[in-house]
């Protein structure tokens, strides 16, 4: 059985899409990736991408830490 990526939030986002999702500037996403901060990212070919599920989990961790 195949799963639709949008059903599991396992789509790959670039820095522009990360900005659209979170409101955090794309330059910040690229900076975090360069220093190893923020949610996990990786190179897919020549592009830096983040899994949407990893971003949402990271946001939840940040929310829990602030509580």
Protein backbone atom coordinates (compact mmCIF):
# COMPACT_ATOMS: atom_id res chain seq x y z
CA UNK A 1 0.00 0.00 0.00
CA UNK A 2 1.44 3.38 -0.95
CA UNK A 3 0.92 6.38 1.22
CA UNK A 4 0.33 9.85 -0.12
CA UNK A 5 3.20 12.05 1.18
CA UNK A 6 0.80 14.82 2.18
CA UNK A 7 -1.05 12.33 4.40
CA UNK A 8 2.08 11.71 6.47
CA UNK A 9 3.69 15.16 6.18
CA UNK A 10 6.76 13.53 4.62
CA UNK A 11 7.11 15.90 1.73
CA UNK A 12 10.42 17.66 1.18
CA UNK A 13 10.47 21.44 1.55
CA UNK A 14 13.06 23.95 0.38
CA UNK A 15 13.92 27.07 2.41
CA UNK A 16 11.25 29.17 0.66
CA UNK A 17 8.57 26.62 1.51
CA UNK A 18 9.85 26.45 5.09
CA UNK A 19 9.40 30.22 5.30
CA UNK A 20 5.85 29.94 3.96
CA UNK A 21 5.07 27.22 6.52
CA UNK A 22 6.55 28.94 9.57
CA UNK A 23 7.06 32.63 8.82
CA UNK A 24 10.77 32.27 9.62
CA UNK A 25 12.85 33.85 6.82
CA UNK A 26 14.41 31.46 4.32
CA UNK A 27 17.83 32.96 5.07
CA UNK A 28 17.43 31.79 8.67
CA UNK A 29 16.65 28.26 7.50
CA UNK A 30 19.80 28.24 5.37
CA UNK A 31 21.85 29.69 8.26
CA UNK A 32 20.55 27.08 10.71
CA UNK A 33 21.45 24.31 8.25
CA UNK A 34 24.99 25.72 7.86
CA UNK A 35 25.62 25.71 11.63
CA UNK A 36 23.75 22.47 12.40
CA UNK A 37 20.83 24.07 14.28
CA UNK A 38 17.10 23.77 13.76
CA UNK A 39 15.34 20.75 12.30
CA UNK A 40 17.39 18.20 10.38
CA UNK A 41 18.01 18.94 6.73
CA UNK A 42 20.00 17.27 3.98
CA UNK A 43 21.12 17.73 0.40
CA UNK A 44 18.89 16.14 -2.21
CA UNK A 45 21.02 16.49 -5.28
CA UNK A 46 22.09 20.11 -5.17
CA UNK A 47 19.13 21.30 -3.11
CA UNK A 48 18.96 21.62 0.67
CA UNK A 49 15.64 20.19 1.88
CA UNK A 50 13.78 19.56 5.11
CA UNK A 51 11.13 16.92 5.77
CA UNK A 52 7.86 18.60 6.70
CA UNK A 53 7.35 16.02 9.44
CA UNK A 54 10.76 16.92 10.95
CA UNK A 55 9.87 20.62 10.94
CA UNK A 56 6.53 20.02 12.63
CA UNK A 57 8.17 17.76 15.25
CA UNK A 58 10.87 20.37 15.88
CA UNK A 59 8.23 23.09 16.33
CA UNK A 60 6.39 20.88 18.83
CA UNK A 61 9.67 20.39 20.75
CA UNK A 62 10.23 24.15 20.83
CA UNK A 63 6.68 24.66 22.11
CA UNK A 64 7.15 22.04 24.84
CA UNK A 65 10.45 23.58 25.92
CA UNK A 66 8.81 26.99 26.24
CA UNK A 67 6.03 25.65 28.47
